N, C-alpha and C. Protein backbone atom coordinates (compact mmCIF):
# COMPACT_ATOMS: atom_id res chain seq x y z
N MET A 1 148.22 73.81 80.20
CA MET A 1 147.19 74.16 81.18
C MET A 1 147.72 75.22 82.13
N LEU A 2 146.90 76.20 82.41
CA LEU A 2 147.27 77.27 83.34
C LEU A 2 146.87 76.89 84.76
N THR A 3 147.77 77.14 85.70
CA THR A 3 147.48 76.91 87.12
C THR A 3 147.86 78.17 87.89
N LEU A 4 146.96 78.60 88.74
CA LEU A 4 147.17 79.80 89.53
C LEU A 4 147.39 79.38 90.98
N HIS A 5 148.60 79.62 91.48
CA HIS A 5 148.94 79.31 92.87
C HIS A 5 148.86 80.60 93.68
N THR A 6 148.09 80.58 94.74
CA THR A 6 147.92 81.78 95.55
C THR A 6 148.04 81.43 97.04
N ALA A 7 148.47 82.41 97.82
CA ALA A 7 148.61 82.24 99.27
C ALA A 7 148.26 83.55 99.95
N ASP A 8 148.20 83.50 101.27
CA ASP A 8 147.88 84.72 102.02
C ASP A 8 148.89 85.82 101.75
N LEU A 9 150.16 85.40 101.56
CA LEU A 9 151.24 86.37 101.34
C LEU A 9 152.19 85.81 100.28
N LEU A 10 152.56 86.64 99.32
CA LEU A 10 153.52 86.25 98.28
C LEU A 10 154.79 87.05 98.44
N VAL A 11 155.93 86.35 98.48
CA VAL A 11 157.24 86.99 98.50
C VAL A 11 157.98 86.49 97.27
N THR A 12 158.29 87.37 96.33
CA THR A 12 158.85 86.93 95.06
C THR A 12 160.36 86.75 95.06
N GLY A 13 161.04 87.30 96.08
CA GLY A 13 162.48 87.15 96.12
C GLY A 13 163.09 87.95 97.25
N PRO A 14 164.41 87.81 97.46
CA PRO A 14 165.08 88.57 98.52
C PRO A 14 164.89 90.07 98.32
N GLY A 15 164.47 90.75 99.37
CA GLY A 15 164.30 92.20 99.30
C GLY A 15 163.00 92.66 98.68
N ALA A 16 162.20 91.75 98.12
CA ALA A 16 160.95 92.14 97.50
C ALA A 16 159.89 92.42 98.55
N ALA A 17 159.05 93.40 98.30
CA ALA A 17 157.97 93.72 99.23
C ALA A 17 156.92 92.62 99.18
N PRO A 18 156.49 92.11 100.32
CA PRO A 18 155.46 91.07 100.34
C PRO A 18 154.16 91.59 99.75
N LEU A 19 153.44 90.71 99.04
CA LEU A 19 152.17 91.07 98.44
C LEU A 19 151.07 90.22 99.06
N ALA A 20 150.17 90.86 99.80
CA ALA A 20 149.06 90.14 100.40
C ALA A 20 148.13 89.64 99.30
N GLY A 21 147.73 88.38 99.39
CA GLY A 21 146.84 87.82 98.38
C GLY A 21 147.47 87.73 97.01
N GLY A 22 148.79 87.58 96.97
CA GLY A 22 149.48 87.47 95.69
C GLY A 22 149.35 86.09 95.08
N ALA A 23 149.73 85.98 93.82
CA ALA A 23 149.60 84.71 93.12
C ALA A 23 150.66 84.58 92.04
N VAL A 24 150.91 83.32 91.67
CA VAL A 24 151.84 82.99 90.59
C VAL A 24 151.06 82.16 89.56
N LEU A 25 151.04 82.63 88.33
CA LEU A 25 150.37 81.91 87.24
C LEU A 25 151.40 81.07 86.52
N VAL A 26 151.13 79.78 86.44
CA VAL A 26 152.07 78.83 85.84
C VAL A 26 151.50 78.26 84.55
N GLU A 27 152.33 78.25 83.53
CA GLU A 27 151.99 77.59 82.27
C GLU A 27 153.13 76.65 81.91
N GLY A 28 152.85 75.35 81.92
CA GLY A 28 153.91 74.39 81.69
C GLY A 28 154.91 74.44 82.81
N ASP A 29 156.18 74.62 82.47
CA ASP A 29 157.22 74.67 83.50
C ASP A 29 157.72 76.08 83.77
N ARG A 30 156.99 77.09 83.27
CA ARG A 30 157.42 78.48 83.42
C ARG A 30 156.36 79.31 84.13
N ILE A 31 156.79 80.44 84.66
CA ILE A 31 155.87 81.40 85.27
C ILE A 31 155.34 82.33 84.20
N ALA A 32 154.02 82.36 84.03
CA ALA A 32 153.40 83.22 83.02
C ALA A 32 153.15 84.63 83.54
N ALA A 33 152.91 84.75 84.85
CA ALA A 33 152.64 86.07 85.42
C ALA A 33 152.72 85.98 86.94
N VAL A 34 152.99 87.12 87.56
CA VAL A 34 153.03 87.24 89.01
C VAL A 34 152.28 88.51 89.38
N GLY A 35 151.42 88.43 90.40
CA GLY A 35 150.69 89.63 90.79
C GLY A 35 149.56 89.33 91.75
N ALA A 36 148.60 90.25 91.83
CA ALA A 36 147.46 90.08 92.72
C ALA A 36 146.57 88.96 92.20
N TYR A 37 146.08 88.13 93.10
CA TYR A 37 145.26 87.00 92.69
C TYR A 37 144.02 87.44 91.91
N GLU A 38 143.31 88.45 92.41
CA GLU A 38 142.06 88.86 91.77
C GLU A 38 142.29 89.26 90.31
N ALA A 39 143.35 90.00 90.06
CA ALA A 39 143.62 90.46 88.70
C ALA A 39 144.00 89.29 87.79
N LEU A 40 144.84 88.38 88.30
CA LEU A 40 145.26 87.25 87.48
C LEU A 40 144.10 86.29 87.23
N ALA A 41 143.26 86.10 88.23
CA ALA A 41 142.12 85.21 88.06
C ALA A 41 141.12 85.77 87.05
N GLU A 42 140.91 87.08 87.10
CA GLU A 42 139.98 87.70 86.16
C GLU A 42 140.51 87.61 84.73
N ALA A 43 141.82 87.79 84.58
CA ALA A 43 142.42 87.75 83.24
C ALA A 43 142.56 86.33 82.70
N ASN A 44 142.51 85.34 83.60
CA ASN A 44 142.69 83.94 83.19
C ASN A 44 141.59 83.08 83.82
N PRO A 45 140.36 83.25 83.37
CA PRO A 45 139.22 82.59 84.02
C PRO A 45 139.24 81.08 83.94
N HIS A 46 140.00 80.52 83.02
CA HIS A 46 140.03 79.06 82.86
C HIS A 46 141.19 78.41 83.62
N ALA A 47 141.97 79.21 84.30
CA ALA A 47 143.11 78.66 85.05
C ALA A 47 142.61 77.89 86.27
N ARG A 48 143.25 76.78 86.55
CA ARG A 48 142.96 76.03 87.78
C ARG A 48 143.62 76.76 88.94
N THR A 49 142.91 76.88 90.05
CA THR A 49 143.45 77.59 91.20
C THR A 49 143.85 76.61 92.30
N ARG A 50 145.05 76.81 92.83
CA ARG A 50 145.50 76.08 94.02
C ARG A 50 145.75 77.11 95.11
N ARG A 51 145.03 76.98 96.22
CA ARG A 51 145.16 77.92 97.33
C ARG A 51 145.98 77.28 98.44
N TRP A 52 146.97 78.02 98.91
CA TRP A 52 147.83 77.53 99.99
C TRP A 52 147.75 78.48 101.17
N PRO A 53 147.81 77.93 102.38
CA PRO A 53 147.85 78.81 103.56
C PRO A 53 149.22 79.44 103.72
N GLY A 54 149.27 80.58 104.34
CA GLY A 54 150.55 81.16 104.72
C GLY A 54 151.24 81.95 103.62
N VAL A 55 152.55 81.67 103.46
CA VAL A 55 153.38 82.47 102.57
C VAL A 55 153.93 81.61 101.43
N LEU A 56 153.90 82.18 100.23
CA LEU A 56 154.44 81.51 99.04
C LEU A 56 155.74 82.21 98.68
N THR A 57 156.80 81.44 98.50
CA THR A 57 158.13 82.01 98.27
C THR A 57 158.86 81.25 97.17
N PRO A 58 159.99 81.79 96.70
CA PRO A 58 160.84 80.96 95.84
C PRO A 58 161.24 79.69 96.59
N GLY A 59 161.52 78.62 95.84
CA GLY A 59 162.00 77.41 96.49
C GLY A 59 163.32 77.66 97.20
N LEU A 60 163.67 76.77 98.10
CA LEU A 60 164.86 76.93 98.94
C LEU A 60 166.03 76.07 98.46
N ALA A 61 167.21 76.41 98.91
CA ALA A 61 168.42 75.66 98.57
C ALA A 61 169.13 75.22 99.84
N VAL A 62 169.72 74.04 99.80
CA VAL A 62 170.58 73.58 100.90
C VAL A 62 171.98 73.34 100.37
N ARG A 63 172.94 73.45 101.28
CA ARG A 63 174.34 73.27 100.92
C ARG A 63 174.86 71.96 101.50
N GLY A 64 175.99 71.52 100.99
CA GLY A 64 176.61 70.31 101.52
C GLY A 64 175.95 69.03 101.05
N ALA A 65 175.56 68.98 99.77
CA ALA A 65 174.88 67.79 99.25
C ALA A 65 175.73 66.54 99.38
N ASP A 66 177.04 66.68 99.25
CA ASP A 66 177.91 65.50 99.36
C ASP A 66 177.83 64.89 100.74
N VAL A 67 177.79 65.72 101.77
CA VAL A 67 177.69 65.22 103.14
C VAL A 67 176.30 64.64 103.40
N LEU A 68 175.28 65.35 102.95
CA LEU A 68 173.90 64.94 103.22
C LEU A 68 173.52 63.66 102.49
N LEU A 69 174.05 63.45 101.29
CA LEU A 69 173.59 62.36 100.44
C LEU A 69 174.60 61.24 100.25
N GLU A 70 175.89 61.53 100.44
CA GLU A 70 176.90 60.49 100.22
C GLU A 70 177.69 60.15 101.48
N ARG A 71 177.45 60.88 102.55
CA ARG A 71 178.10 60.56 103.82
C ARG A 71 177.09 60.48 104.97
N THR A 72 175.83 60.36 104.60
CA THR A 72 174.75 60.16 105.57
C THR A 72 173.79 59.14 104.98
N TYR A 73 173.43 58.15 105.79
CA TYR A 73 172.51 57.10 105.34
C TYR A 73 171.17 57.27 106.03
N TYR A 74 170.09 57.19 105.25
CA TYR A 74 168.73 57.36 105.76
C TYR A 74 168.04 55.99 105.75
N PRO A 75 167.85 55.40 106.93
CA PRO A 75 167.25 54.06 107.00
C PRO A 75 165.88 54.01 106.32
N ASP A 76 165.61 52.86 105.73
CA ASP A 76 164.35 52.64 105.03
C ASP A 76 163.25 52.35 106.05
N ASP A 77 162.22 53.18 106.01
CA ASP A 77 161.07 53.01 106.91
C ASP A 77 159.97 52.28 106.13
N PRO A 78 159.50 51.12 106.63
CA PRO A 78 159.72 50.56 107.98
C PRO A 78 160.76 49.45 108.04
N TYR A 79 161.36 49.09 106.92
CA TYR A 79 162.12 47.85 106.85
C TYR A 79 163.40 47.84 107.67
N GLU A 80 164.05 48.98 107.83
CA GLU A 80 165.33 49.01 108.55
C GLU A 80 165.24 49.69 109.91
N ILE A 81 164.08 50.25 110.21
CA ILE A 81 163.95 51.05 111.43
C ILE A 81 164.20 50.22 112.69
N ALA A 82 163.65 49.01 112.75
CA ALA A 82 163.80 48.20 113.96
C ALA A 82 165.26 47.91 114.25
N GLU A 83 166.05 47.69 113.19
CA GLU A 83 167.46 47.36 113.37
C GLU A 83 168.35 48.59 113.51
N LEU A 84 168.09 49.61 112.69
CA LEU A 84 168.99 50.75 112.61
C LEU A 84 168.47 52.00 113.31
N GLY A 85 167.18 52.04 113.63
CA GLY A 85 166.59 53.24 114.18
C GLY A 85 166.16 54.17 113.07
N ALA A 86 165.46 55.21 113.42
CA ALA A 86 164.89 56.12 112.43
C ALA A 86 165.82 57.27 112.06
N ASP A 87 166.83 57.54 112.88
CA ASP A 87 167.68 58.71 112.65
C ASP A 87 168.70 58.45 111.55
N PRO A 88 169.05 59.49 110.78
CA PRO A 88 170.11 59.35 109.78
C PRO A 88 171.42 58.89 110.43
N ILE A 89 172.18 58.12 109.70
CA ILE A 89 173.43 57.54 110.20
C ILE A 89 174.61 58.18 109.47
N SER A 90 175.57 58.67 110.23
CA SER A 90 176.77 59.26 109.64
C SER A 90 177.98 58.83 110.46
N GLY A 91 179.15 59.22 110.00
CA GLY A 91 180.38 58.80 110.67
C GLY A 91 180.97 57.60 109.93
N ALA A 92 182.26 57.68 109.66
CA ALA A 92 182.91 56.65 108.85
C ALA A 92 182.73 55.25 109.42
N GLY A 93 182.91 55.11 110.73
CA GLY A 93 182.79 53.79 111.34
C GLY A 93 181.41 53.20 111.21
N ALA A 94 180.40 54.00 111.49
CA ALA A 94 179.02 53.52 111.42
C ALA A 94 178.64 53.17 109.99
N LEU A 95 179.10 53.97 109.04
CA LEU A 95 178.77 53.70 107.64
C LEU A 95 179.51 52.47 107.13
N ASP A 96 180.76 52.30 107.52
CA ASP A 96 181.51 51.11 107.11
C ASP A 96 180.83 49.84 107.60
N ALA A 97 180.27 49.89 108.81
CA ALA A 97 179.62 48.71 109.38
C ALA A 97 178.38 48.31 108.58
N LEU A 98 177.78 49.26 107.88
CA LEU A 98 176.59 48.96 107.09
C LEU A 98 176.92 48.27 105.77
N GLU A 99 178.19 48.35 105.35
CA GLU A 99 178.63 47.74 104.09
C GLU A 99 177.70 48.14 102.94
N LEU A 100 177.57 49.42 102.75
CA LEU A 100 176.62 49.95 101.78
C LEU A 100 177.10 49.77 100.35
N THR A 101 176.20 49.31 99.50
CA THR A 101 176.46 49.22 98.07
C THR A 101 176.03 50.51 97.40
N GLU A 102 176.41 50.68 96.14
CA GLU A 102 175.98 51.88 95.42
C GLU A 102 174.46 51.93 95.33
N ALA A 103 173.82 50.77 95.13
CA ALA A 103 172.36 50.74 95.04
C ALA A 103 171.72 51.22 96.33
N ARG A 104 172.26 50.82 97.48
CA ARG A 104 171.69 51.26 98.75
C ARG A 104 171.92 52.76 98.96
N TRP A 105 173.06 53.26 98.52
CA TRP A 105 173.29 54.70 98.59
C TRP A 105 172.27 55.45 97.74
N GLY A 106 171.97 54.90 96.56
CA GLY A 106 170.98 55.54 95.71
C GLY A 106 169.60 55.55 96.35
N ASN A 107 169.22 54.43 96.99
CA ASN A 107 167.92 54.36 97.66
C ASN A 107 167.87 55.32 98.84
N SER A 108 168.98 55.42 99.57
CA SER A 108 169.05 56.36 100.68
C SER A 108 168.89 57.79 100.19
N ALA A 109 169.54 58.11 99.06
CA ALA A 109 169.45 59.46 98.51
C ALA A 109 168.03 59.78 98.08
N ARG A 110 167.32 58.79 97.56
CA ARG A 110 165.92 59.03 97.17
C ARG A 110 165.07 59.38 98.39
N ARG A 111 165.33 58.69 99.49
CA ARG A 111 164.58 59.00 100.72
C ARG A 111 164.93 60.41 101.21
N ALA A 112 166.20 60.77 101.07
CA ALA A 112 166.63 62.10 101.50
C ALA A 112 166.02 63.19 100.64
N THR A 113 165.92 62.95 99.32
CA THR A 113 165.35 63.98 98.46
C THR A 113 163.88 64.21 98.80
N GLN A 114 163.17 63.17 99.22
CA GLN A 114 161.78 63.36 99.64
C GLN A 114 161.70 64.23 100.89
N LYS A 115 162.65 64.05 101.79
CA LYS A 115 162.71 64.89 102.98
C LYS A 115 162.99 66.35 102.60
N LEU A 116 163.85 66.54 101.62
CA LEU A 116 164.17 67.90 101.17
C LEU A 116 162.97 68.55 100.50
N LEU A 117 162.30 67.81 99.63
CA LEU A 117 161.12 68.36 98.97
C LEU A 117 160.05 68.75 99.99
N SER A 118 159.95 67.98 101.05
CA SER A 118 158.94 68.28 102.08
C SER A 118 159.31 69.49 102.91
N ARG A 119 160.49 70.04 102.67
CA ARG A 119 160.94 71.26 103.35
C ARG A 119 161.02 72.44 102.38
N GLY A 120 160.43 72.30 101.21
CA GLY A 120 160.43 73.39 100.25
C GLY A 120 161.72 73.56 99.48
N VAL A 121 162.59 72.56 99.55
CA VAL A 121 163.90 72.64 98.88
C VAL A 121 163.74 72.31 97.41
N VAL A 122 164.36 73.12 96.54
CA VAL A 122 164.33 72.89 95.11
C VAL A 122 165.72 72.73 94.52
N ALA A 123 166.76 72.97 95.31
CA ALA A 123 168.13 72.88 94.81
C ALA A 123 169.08 72.48 95.92
N VAL A 124 170.12 71.73 95.56
CA VAL A 124 171.18 71.36 96.50
C VAL A 124 172.52 71.70 95.85
N SER A 125 173.49 72.04 96.68
CA SER A 125 174.80 72.35 96.14
C SER A 125 175.85 71.43 96.75
N GLY A 126 176.82 71.08 95.94
CA GLY A 126 177.88 70.19 96.39
C GLY A 126 178.31 69.29 95.25
N ARG A 127 179.41 68.58 95.44
CA ARG A 127 179.95 67.70 94.41
C ARG A 127 179.59 66.26 94.75
N LEU A 128 178.79 65.63 93.91
CA LEU A 128 178.36 64.25 94.12
C LEU A 128 179.19 63.32 93.24
N ARG A 129 179.71 62.26 93.84
CA ARG A 129 180.59 61.34 93.12
C ARG A 129 179.97 59.97 92.86
N VAL A 130 178.93 59.62 93.60
CA VAL A 130 178.31 58.31 93.44
C VAL A 130 177.24 58.41 92.35
N PRO A 131 177.38 57.68 91.25
CA PRO A 131 176.41 57.80 90.15
C PRO A 131 174.97 57.60 90.57
N ALA A 132 174.70 56.62 91.41
CA ALA A 132 173.32 56.34 91.82
C ALA A 132 172.74 57.51 92.62
N VAL A 133 173.58 58.21 93.36
CA VAL A 133 173.12 59.37 94.13
C VAL A 133 172.81 60.53 93.18
N ARG A 134 173.69 60.75 92.23
CA ARG A 134 173.43 61.81 91.24
C ARG A 134 172.12 61.53 90.49
N THR A 135 171.90 60.27 90.13
CA THR A 135 170.67 59.90 89.43
C THR A 135 169.45 60.18 90.30
N ALA A 136 169.55 59.85 91.59
CA ALA A 136 168.43 60.08 92.50
C ALA A 136 168.09 61.57 92.58
N VAL A 137 169.10 62.41 92.63
CA VAL A 137 168.88 63.85 92.70
C VAL A 137 168.24 64.35 91.41
N THR A 138 168.78 63.92 90.29
CA THR A 138 168.25 64.36 88.99
C THR A 138 166.79 63.95 88.83
N ARG A 139 166.48 62.71 89.16
CA ARG A 139 165.12 62.22 88.98
C ARG A 139 164.14 62.86 89.95
N SER A 140 164.63 63.34 91.07
CA SER A 140 163.74 63.99 92.05
C SER A 140 163.25 65.34 91.57
N GLY A 141 163.97 65.94 90.61
CA GLY A 141 163.63 67.28 90.15
C GLY A 141 164.49 68.36 90.78
N LEU A 142 165.25 68.02 91.83
CA LEU A 142 166.11 69.01 92.48
C LEU A 142 167.24 69.43 91.54
N ALA A 143 167.56 70.72 91.55
CA ALA A 143 168.70 71.21 90.79
C ALA A 143 169.96 70.94 91.58
N LEU A 144 171.02 70.51 90.89
CA LEU A 144 172.32 70.29 91.53
C LEU A 144 173.23 71.45 91.16
N LEU A 145 173.63 72.21 92.16
CA LEU A 145 174.43 73.41 91.96
C LEU A 145 175.87 73.17 92.37
N PRO A 146 176.81 73.94 91.82
CA PRO A 146 178.20 73.83 92.26
C PRO A 146 178.32 74.17 93.74
N ALA A 147 179.31 73.60 94.38
CA ALA A 147 179.54 73.89 95.80
C ALA A 147 179.98 75.34 95.95
N PRO A 148 179.41 76.08 96.92
CA PRO A 148 179.85 77.45 97.16
C PRO A 148 181.21 77.47 97.83
N ALA A 149 181.78 78.65 97.97
CA ALA A 149 183.05 78.78 98.67
C ALA A 149 182.91 78.24 100.09
N ALA A 150 183.95 77.58 100.56
CA ALA A 150 183.89 76.92 101.87
C ALA A 150 183.51 77.89 102.98
N ALA A 151 183.91 79.15 102.85
CA ALA A 151 183.66 80.12 103.91
C ALA A 151 182.17 80.40 104.10
N THR A 152 181.36 80.12 103.06
CA THR A 152 179.94 80.42 103.17
C THR A 152 179.13 79.22 103.63
N ASP A 153 179.76 78.07 103.77
CA ASP A 153 179.04 76.86 104.18
C ASP A 153 178.68 76.89 105.65
N PRO A 154 177.57 76.28 106.05
CA PRO A 154 177.26 76.17 107.47
C PRO A 154 178.23 75.21 108.13
N PRO A 155 178.42 75.30 109.46
CA PRO A 155 179.36 74.42 110.15
C PRO A 155 179.05 72.94 109.89
N VAL A 156 177.77 72.57 109.91
CA VAL A 156 177.38 71.18 109.66
C VAL A 156 176.25 71.20 108.64
N PRO A 157 176.44 70.60 107.45
CA PRO A 157 175.35 70.55 106.47
C PRO A 157 174.09 69.93 107.08
N SER A 158 172.95 70.44 106.69
CA SER A 158 171.70 70.04 107.32
C SER A 158 170.59 69.96 106.29
N LEU A 159 169.62 69.08 106.54
CA LEU A 159 168.42 69.06 105.72
C LEU A 159 167.61 70.34 105.87
N ASP A 160 167.87 71.08 106.93
CA ASP A 160 167.19 72.35 107.18
C ASP A 160 167.82 73.43 106.30
N PRO A 161 167.07 73.96 105.32
CA PRO A 161 167.66 74.99 104.45
C PRO A 161 168.01 76.28 105.16
N PHE A 162 167.49 76.48 106.38
CA PHE A 162 167.78 77.71 107.11
C PHE A 162 169.00 77.58 108.03
N ALA A 163 169.62 76.42 108.07
CA ALA A 163 170.80 76.24 108.92
C ALA A 163 171.91 77.20 108.48
N GLY A 164 172.41 77.98 109.44
CA GLY A 164 173.47 78.94 109.14
C GLY A 164 172.99 80.20 108.44
N ARG A 165 171.69 80.37 108.29
CA ARG A 165 171.16 81.56 107.63
C ARG A 165 170.63 82.54 108.67
N GLU A 166 170.80 83.81 108.41
CA GLU A 166 170.29 84.83 109.32
C GLU A 166 168.88 85.27 108.96
N THR A 167 168.48 85.04 107.72
CA THR A 167 167.12 85.38 107.28
C THR A 167 166.58 84.23 106.44
N ALA A 168 165.27 84.13 106.37
CA ALA A 168 164.65 83.10 105.53
C ALA A 168 164.97 83.35 104.06
N ALA A 169 164.99 84.62 103.66
CA ALA A 169 165.23 84.96 102.26
C ALA A 169 166.62 84.54 101.80
N ALA A 170 167.56 84.40 102.73
CA ALA A 170 168.91 83.98 102.35
C ALA A 170 168.94 82.57 101.80
N ALA A 171 167.89 81.80 102.07
CA ALA A 171 167.83 80.42 101.56
C ALA A 171 167.10 80.33 100.23
N PHE A 172 166.56 81.44 99.72
CA PHE A 172 165.83 81.40 98.45
C PHE A 172 166.76 80.99 97.31
N HIS A 173 166.23 80.18 96.40
CA HIS A 173 166.95 79.86 95.17
C HIS A 173 166.28 80.60 94.03
N GLY A 174 166.83 81.77 93.69
CA GLY A 174 166.26 82.58 92.63
C GLY A 174 165.07 83.40 93.08
N SER A 175 164.37 83.96 92.10
CA SER A 175 163.20 84.80 92.36
C SER A 175 162.05 84.33 91.48
N LEU A 176 160.85 84.82 91.81
CA LEU A 176 159.66 84.48 91.03
C LEU A 176 159.35 85.65 90.11
N GLU A 177 159.48 85.41 88.82
CA GLU A 177 159.25 86.47 87.85
C GLU A 177 158.73 85.88 86.54
N ARG A 178 158.05 86.70 85.79
CA ARG A 178 157.47 86.27 84.52
C ARG A 178 158.54 85.70 83.61
N GLY A 179 158.28 84.52 83.06
CA GLY A 179 159.23 83.87 82.17
C GLY A 179 160.24 83.00 82.87
N GLY A 180 160.30 83.10 84.20
CA GLY A 180 161.24 82.31 84.96
C GLY A 180 160.72 80.90 85.22
N PRO A 181 161.56 80.05 85.77
CA PRO A 181 161.12 78.68 86.06
C PRO A 181 160.07 78.65 87.16
N ALA A 182 159.09 77.78 86.99
CA ALA A 182 158.03 77.62 88.00
C ALA A 182 158.57 76.73 89.11
N ARG A 183 159.20 77.36 90.08
CA ARG A 183 159.95 76.65 91.12
C ARG A 183 159.77 77.42 92.42
N PHE A 184 158.84 76.95 93.26
CA PHE A 184 158.51 77.71 94.47
C PHE A 184 157.93 76.78 95.52
N ALA A 185 157.66 77.35 96.69
CA ALA A 185 157.13 76.56 97.80
C ALA A 185 156.18 77.42 98.62
N ALA A 186 155.28 76.76 99.34
CA ALA A 186 154.35 77.45 100.23
C ALA A 186 154.52 76.90 101.65
N PHE A 187 154.46 77.81 102.62
CA PHE A 187 154.69 77.46 104.01
C PHE A 187 153.55 78.00 104.87
N ASP A 188 153.09 77.19 105.81
CA ASP A 188 151.97 77.58 106.65
C ASP A 188 152.45 78.44 107.81
N THR A 189 152.95 79.62 107.48
CA THR A 189 153.39 80.60 108.47
C THR A 189 152.90 81.98 108.03
N ALA A 190 152.90 82.92 108.96
CA ALA A 190 152.33 84.24 108.67
C ALA A 190 153.22 85.08 107.76
N ASP A 191 154.55 84.97 107.94
CA ASP A 191 155.48 85.79 107.17
C ASP A 191 156.86 85.16 107.23
N LEU A 192 157.87 85.86 106.69
CA LEU A 192 159.21 85.29 106.63
C LEU A 192 159.85 85.16 108.02
N ASP A 193 159.57 86.10 108.90
CA ASP A 193 160.12 85.99 110.26
C ASP A 193 159.58 84.75 110.95
N ALA A 194 158.29 84.51 110.79
CA ALA A 194 157.70 83.32 111.39
C ALA A 194 158.23 82.05 110.73
N LEU A 195 158.49 82.13 109.43
CA LEU A 195 159.04 80.98 108.72
C LEU A 195 160.41 80.62 109.27
N LEU A 196 161.25 81.62 109.46
CA LEU A 196 162.59 81.35 110.00
C LEU A 196 162.50 80.78 111.41
N ALA A 197 161.55 81.29 112.20
CA ALA A 197 161.41 80.83 113.59
C ALA A 197 160.83 79.42 113.67
N ARG A 198 159.85 79.11 112.84
CA ARG A 198 159.17 77.82 112.92
C ARG A 198 159.83 76.75 112.07
N GLY A 199 160.53 77.16 111.01
CA GLY A 199 161.29 76.21 110.23
C GLY A 199 160.60 75.71 108.98
N ALA A 200 161.39 75.05 108.14
CA ALA A 200 160.92 74.63 106.82
C ALA A 200 159.97 73.44 106.87
N THR A 201 159.84 72.80 108.02
CA THR A 201 158.88 71.69 108.11
C THR A 201 157.44 72.19 108.08
N THR A 202 157.25 73.51 108.03
CA THR A 202 155.92 74.08 107.85
C THR A 202 155.50 74.07 106.38
N CYS A 203 156.35 73.53 105.53
CA CYS A 203 156.06 73.50 104.09
C CYS A 203 154.78 72.70 103.81
N VAL A 204 153.92 73.28 103.00
CA VAL A 204 152.68 72.59 102.60
C VAL A 204 152.71 72.20 101.13
N ALA A 205 153.59 72.80 100.34
CA ALA A 205 153.65 72.48 98.92
C ALA A 205 154.99 72.88 98.34
N THR A 206 155.51 72.05 97.43
CA THR A 206 156.73 72.36 96.70
C THR A 206 156.48 72.10 95.22
N VAL A 207 156.75 73.10 94.41
CA VAL A 207 156.54 73.01 92.96
C VAL A 207 157.88 73.17 92.26
N ILE A 208 158.19 72.24 91.36
CA ILE A 208 159.40 72.32 90.54
C ILE A 208 159.01 72.02 89.11
N GLY A 209 159.42 72.89 88.19
CA GLY A 209 159.07 72.69 86.80
C GLY A 209 157.58 72.68 86.56
N GLY A 210 156.86 73.41 87.40
CA GLY A 210 155.42 73.47 87.27
C GLY A 210 154.69 72.29 87.86
N ARG A 211 155.42 71.30 88.36
CA ARG A 211 154.80 70.08 88.91
C ARG A 211 154.77 70.14 90.44
N LEU A 212 153.67 69.73 90.99
CA LEU A 212 153.52 69.68 92.45
C LEU A 212 154.20 68.42 92.95
N LEU A 213 155.42 68.55 93.46
CA LEU A 213 156.21 67.39 93.86
C LEU A 213 156.06 67.07 95.34
N HIS A 214 155.55 67.99 96.11
CA HIS A 214 155.24 67.69 97.52
C HIS A 214 153.98 68.44 97.89
N ARG A 215 153.11 67.74 98.59
CA ARG A 215 151.92 68.37 99.16
C ARG A 215 151.65 67.74 100.50
N ARG A 216 151.63 68.57 101.53
CA ARG A 216 151.40 68.04 102.88
C ARG A 216 149.93 67.62 103.01
N ARG A 217 149.72 66.43 103.51
CA ARG A 217 148.37 65.90 103.64
C ARG A 217 147.81 66.18 105.03
């Protein structure tokens, strides 16, 4: 089935000129075409159209997956919030006090991956050692990338893909091109400068492998 994703502004990759009213045509898990919405819609009249506000970009990547997923615990809402609070828990002492099992680490990682998807994230980098955490990442659809050189890492790994980035495009994972993976996100902002200023929580949709894995309600 063909699906046409369109937004007010399309940015296909770092350095690419923004295209007003651009669109991405998806077939299965791949991109079938990229271009102006009107032209793609006319050429593919049976395609389902999904319209998103703002800017459509390649999906984003975050660094420090080991810290975010294996050294940070995300309390289960609502079951653990009253006791532990809503904020993520880190620090060796605090984590030791929780006496976390591998299963709980896996459940925590699943909650974290949902937070990442809701920020337009499609890939994480870092070395994961806990099997249940690796499984949670794989099943979420997120790509697991090798850890970059230490010098390029942000001071503190963050769920925010723009942490330590000077431009929004620096957080892009790949580009949107014909034949490439259907892996992108839409943000309710006017352009990339506004996206960097307002942050990834403006995400309204995240698509990985052609599947809509997050949609803001």
